[in-house]
Amino acid sequence: MENNKSSLYDELPLELLAGFYYEINKNIEKGILSGAMYHEIRLMEQTALKRGISLEYLHDTGSRIIEDEKLLRGTTMQQ
C-alpha cells in the first residue's frame, strides 16, 4: 500500500536525508535511540524510493557524508 502523503523528508536535499538516515540507523543499532525511530526510518525510505534512490545508495551516501564531516571537524579543531 503506497502512502502519497508528504513528509518533512520529502523536502530535504539528498545529502541531509542520507546523513539522517545513516545516523539514525547507526544509533538504533547501538541502542542509543529507541526502536520507535523505525517510523522515521520508514518515512526516509519512502522518500528515497519516491525519488528513485536505492536504500543501499542512501546508506552509503550517508556514511560517506558523515565520515567526511568528521574529518572536516577534526581538521578544523587541530588548526
N, C-alpha and C. Protein backbone atom coordinates (compact mmCIF):
# COMPACT_ATOMS: atom_id res chain seq x y z
N MET A 1 0.84 -1.18 0.00
CA MET A 1 0.00 0.00 0.00
C MET A 1 0.88 1.24 0.00
N GLU A 2 0.71 2.08 -0.95
CA GLU A 2 1.54 3.27 -1.10
C GLU A 2 0.91 4.44 -0.39
N ASN A 3 1.73 5.20 0.33
CA ASN A 3 1.27 6.38 1.04
C ASN A 3 1.75 7.60 0.27
N ASN A 4 0.83 8.41 -0.25
CA ASN A 4 1.19 9.56 -1.06
C ASN A 4 1.31 10.83 -0.23
N LYS A 5 1.10 10.73 1.08
CA LYS A 5 1.25 11.90 1.93
C LYS A 5 2.70 12.36 1.90
N SER A 6 2.87 13.66 1.99
CA SER A 6 4.21 14.23 2.00
C SER A 6 4.72 14.27 3.44
N SER A 7 6.02 14.11 3.58
CA SER A 7 6.64 14.24 4.90
C SER A 7 7.74 15.28 4.81
N LEU A 8 8.24 15.66 5.96
CA LEU A 8 9.35 16.60 6.02
C LEU A 8 10.53 16.10 5.19
N TYR A 9 10.74 14.80 5.20
CA TYR A 9 11.88 14.22 4.49
C TYR A 9 11.79 14.42 2.98
N ASP A 10 10.58 14.60 2.47
CA ASP A 10 10.42 14.85 1.04
C ASP A 10 11.04 16.17 0.62
N GLU A 11 11.18 17.09 1.57
CA GLU A 11 11.70 18.42 1.28
C GLU A 11 13.21 18.53 1.44
N LEU A 12 13.84 17.54 2.04
CA LEU A 12 15.27 17.61 2.32
C LEU A 12 16.13 17.31 1.10
N PRO A 13 17.28 17.98 0.99
CA PRO A 13 18.23 17.61 -0.05
C PRO A 13 18.77 16.20 0.24
N LEU A 14 19.20 15.53 -0.79
CA LEU A 14 19.70 14.15 -0.66
C LEU A 14 20.76 14.02 0.42
N GLU A 15 21.70 14.94 0.48
CA GLU A 15 22.80 14.84 1.43
C GLU A 15 22.30 14.84 2.87
N LEU A 16 21.33 15.68 3.17
CA LEU A 16 20.79 15.75 4.52
C LEU A 16 19.95 14.52 4.83
N LEU A 17 19.13 14.09 3.89
CA LEU A 17 18.33 12.88 4.06
C LEU A 17 19.23 11.67 4.31
N ALA A 18 20.27 11.53 3.52
CA ALA A 18 21.19 10.40 3.65
C ALA A 18 21.92 10.44 4.98
N GLY A 19 22.36 11.60 5.40
CA GLY A 19 23.05 11.74 6.68
C GLY A 19 22.15 11.36 7.85
N PHE A 20 20.92 11.85 7.84
CA PHE A 20 19.96 11.48 8.89
C PHE A 20 19.71 9.98 8.89
N TYR A 21 19.50 9.44 7.71
CA TYR A 21 19.21 8.00 7.58
C TYR A 21 20.35 7.17 8.18
N TYR A 22 21.55 7.50 7.82
CA TYR A 22 22.71 6.75 8.31
C TYR A 22 22.85 6.89 9.83
N GLU A 23 22.79 8.10 10.34
CA GLU A 23 22.99 8.33 11.77
C GLU A 23 21.89 7.70 12.61
N ILE A 24 20.65 7.80 12.19
CA ILE A 24 19.56 7.21 12.97
C ILE A 24 19.70 5.70 12.98
N ASN A 25 19.99 5.10 11.83
CA ASN A 25 20.20 3.65 11.80
C ASN A 25 21.34 3.23 12.71
N LYS A 26 22.44 3.95 12.66
CA LYS A 26 23.61 3.63 13.47
C LYS A 26 23.26 3.72 14.96
N ASN A 27 22.53 4.74 15.35
CA ASN A 27 22.19 4.94 16.75
C ASN A 27 21.14 3.95 17.24
N ILE A 28 20.26 3.48 16.38
CA ILE A 28 19.32 2.43 16.75
C ILE A 28 20.10 1.15 17.01
N GLU A 29 21.05 0.83 16.12
CA GLU A 29 21.87 -0.39 16.29
C GLU A 29 22.67 -0.36 17.58
N LYS A 30 23.14 0.82 17.97
CA LYS A 30 23.92 0.96 19.20
C LYS A 30 23.04 0.98 20.44
N GLY A 31 21.72 1.10 20.26
CA GLY A 31 20.81 1.17 21.39
C GLY A 31 20.67 2.57 21.97
N ILE A 32 21.23 3.56 21.28
CA ILE A 32 21.15 4.95 21.74
C ILE A 32 19.74 5.51 21.50
N LEU A 33 19.17 5.17 20.37
CA LEU A 33 17.81 5.61 20.04
C LEU A 33 16.88 4.41 20.13
N SER A 34 15.66 4.67 20.48
CA SER A 34 14.69 3.58 20.65
C SER A 34 14.21 3.05 19.31
N GLY A 35 13.62 1.91 19.38
CA GLY A 35 13.01 1.30 18.20
C GLY A 35 11.90 2.15 17.60
N ALA A 36 11.38 3.09 18.39
CA ALA A 36 10.33 3.98 17.88
C ALA A 36 10.84 4.82 16.70
N MET A 37 12.14 4.96 16.60
CA MET A 37 12.72 5.73 15.50
C MET A 37 12.59 4.99 14.17
N TYR A 38 12.19 3.72 14.21
CA TYR A 38 11.97 2.98 12.97
C TYR A 38 10.91 3.65 12.12
N HIS A 39 9.96 4.33 12.75
CA HIS A 39 8.95 5.06 11.99
C HIS A 39 9.61 6.13 11.13
N GLU A 40 10.57 6.85 11.73
CA GLU A 40 11.29 7.88 10.98
C GLU A 40 12.10 7.27 9.85
N ILE A 41 12.72 6.13 10.12
CA ILE A 41 13.48 5.43 9.09
C ILE A 41 12.57 5.07 7.92
N ARG A 42 11.39 4.57 8.22
CA ARG A 42 10.45 4.20 7.16
C ARG A 42 10.04 5.41 6.32
N LEU A 43 9.83 6.55 6.97
CA LEU A 43 9.49 7.76 6.22
C LEU A 43 10.64 8.16 5.29
N MET A 44 11.87 8.06 5.78
CA MET A 44 13.03 8.38 4.94
C MET A 44 13.14 7.40 3.78
N GLU A 45 12.88 6.13 4.05
CA GLU A 45 12.94 5.12 2.99
C GLU A 45 11.86 5.38 1.93
N GLN A 46 10.68 5.77 2.36
CA GLN A 46 9.62 6.09 1.40
C GLN A 46 10.03 7.26 0.52
N THR A 47 10.65 8.27 1.12
CA THR A 47 11.12 9.42 0.35
C THR A 47 12.17 9.00 -0.66
N ALA A 48 13.13 8.19 -0.23
CA ALA A 48 14.18 7.74 -1.15
C ALA A 48 13.57 6.96 -2.31
N LEU A 49 12.66 6.07 -2.01
CA LEU A 49 12.05 5.27 -3.07
C LEU A 49 11.24 6.13 -4.03
N LYS A 50 10.55 7.15 -3.51
CA LYS A 50 9.81 8.09 -4.38
C LYS A 50 10.77 8.79 -5.34
N ARG A 51 11.98 9.06 -4.86
CA ARG A 51 13.00 9.74 -5.68
C ARG A 51 13.78 8.78 -6.56
N GLY A 52 13.51 7.48 -6.44
CA GLY A 52 14.22 6.50 -7.24
C GLY A 52 15.62 6.20 -6.71
N ILE A 53 15.83 6.41 -5.42
CA ILE A 53 17.13 6.19 -4.80
C ILE A 53 17.08 4.88 -4.03
N SER A 54 18.04 4.01 -4.27
CA SER A 54 18.07 2.74 -3.54
C SER A 54 18.47 2.99 -2.09
N LEU A 55 18.01 2.09 -1.22
CA LEU A 55 18.36 2.23 0.20
C LEU A 55 19.85 2.01 0.42
N GLU A 56 20.45 1.17 -0.38
CA GLU A 56 21.90 0.96 -0.29
C GLU A 56 22.65 2.24 -0.63
N TYR A 57 22.21 2.92 -1.68
CA TYR A 57 22.84 4.18 -2.07
C TYR A 57 22.63 5.23 -0.98
N LEU A 58 21.43 5.27 -0.41
CA LEU A 58 21.13 6.22 0.66
C LEU A 58 22.05 5.98 1.86
N HIS A 59 22.20 4.74 2.24
CA HIS A 59 23.07 4.38 3.37
C HIS A 59 24.53 4.72 3.07
N ASP A 60 25.01 4.31 1.90
CA ASP A 60 26.40 4.56 1.53
C ASP A 60 26.70 6.05 1.44
N THR A 61 25.76 6.81 0.88
CA THR A 61 25.94 8.25 0.76
C THR A 61 25.97 8.89 2.14
N GLY A 62 25.06 8.45 3.02
CA GLY A 62 25.03 8.97 4.38
C GLY A 62 26.32 8.67 5.12
N SER A 63 26.83 7.46 4.96
CA SER A 63 28.08 7.06 5.60
C SER A 63 29.22 7.95 5.14
N ARG A 64 29.32 8.16 3.85
CA ARG A 64 30.39 9.00 3.30
C ARG A 64 30.27 10.44 3.80
N ILE A 65 29.07 10.97 3.81
CA ILE A 65 28.87 12.35 4.26
C ILE A 65 29.25 12.52 5.72
N ILE A 66 28.84 11.58 6.56
CA ILE A 66 29.15 11.66 7.99
C ILE A 66 30.65 11.53 8.23
N GLU A 67 31.29 10.61 7.52
CA GLU A 67 32.74 10.44 7.67
C GLU A 67 33.49 11.68 7.19
N ASP A 68 33.05 12.26 6.08
CA ASP A 68 33.67 13.49 5.57
C ASP A 68 33.53 14.62 6.59
N GLU A 69 32.35 14.71 7.20
CA GLU A 69 32.11 15.76 8.20
C GLU A 69 33.01 15.57 9.41
N LYS A 70 33.18 14.32 9.85
CA LYS A 70 34.07 14.04 10.99
C LYS A 70 35.50 14.45 10.66
N LEU A 71 35.95 14.13 9.45
CA LEU A 71 37.30 14.50 9.04
C LEU A 71 37.45 16.02 9.00
N LEU A 72 36.44 16.69 8.47
CA LEU A 72 36.48 18.15 8.38
C LEU A 72 36.53 18.77 9.77
N ARG A 73 35.72 18.27 10.67
CA ARG A 73 35.71 18.81 12.04
C ARG A 73 37.04 18.53 12.74
N GLY A 74 37.60 17.37 12.51
CA GLY A 74 38.89 17.02 13.11
C GLY A 74 39.98 17.95 12.62
N THR A 75 39.98 18.25 11.34
CA THR A 75 40.97 19.15 10.74
C THR A 75 40.78 20.55 11.29
N THR A 76 39.55 20.99 11.40
CA THR A 76 39.26 22.34 11.90
C THR A 76 39.67 22.49 13.34
N MET A 77 39.44 21.45 14.15
CA MET A 77 39.77 21.50 15.57
C MET A 77 41.28 21.49 15.80
N GLN A 78 42.05 20.93 14.88
CA GLN A 78 43.51 20.85 15.03
C GLN A 78 44.18 22.16 14.66
N GLN A 79 43.52 23.02 13.93
CA GLN A 79 44.13 24.27 13.48
C GLN A 79 44.15 25.32 14.56
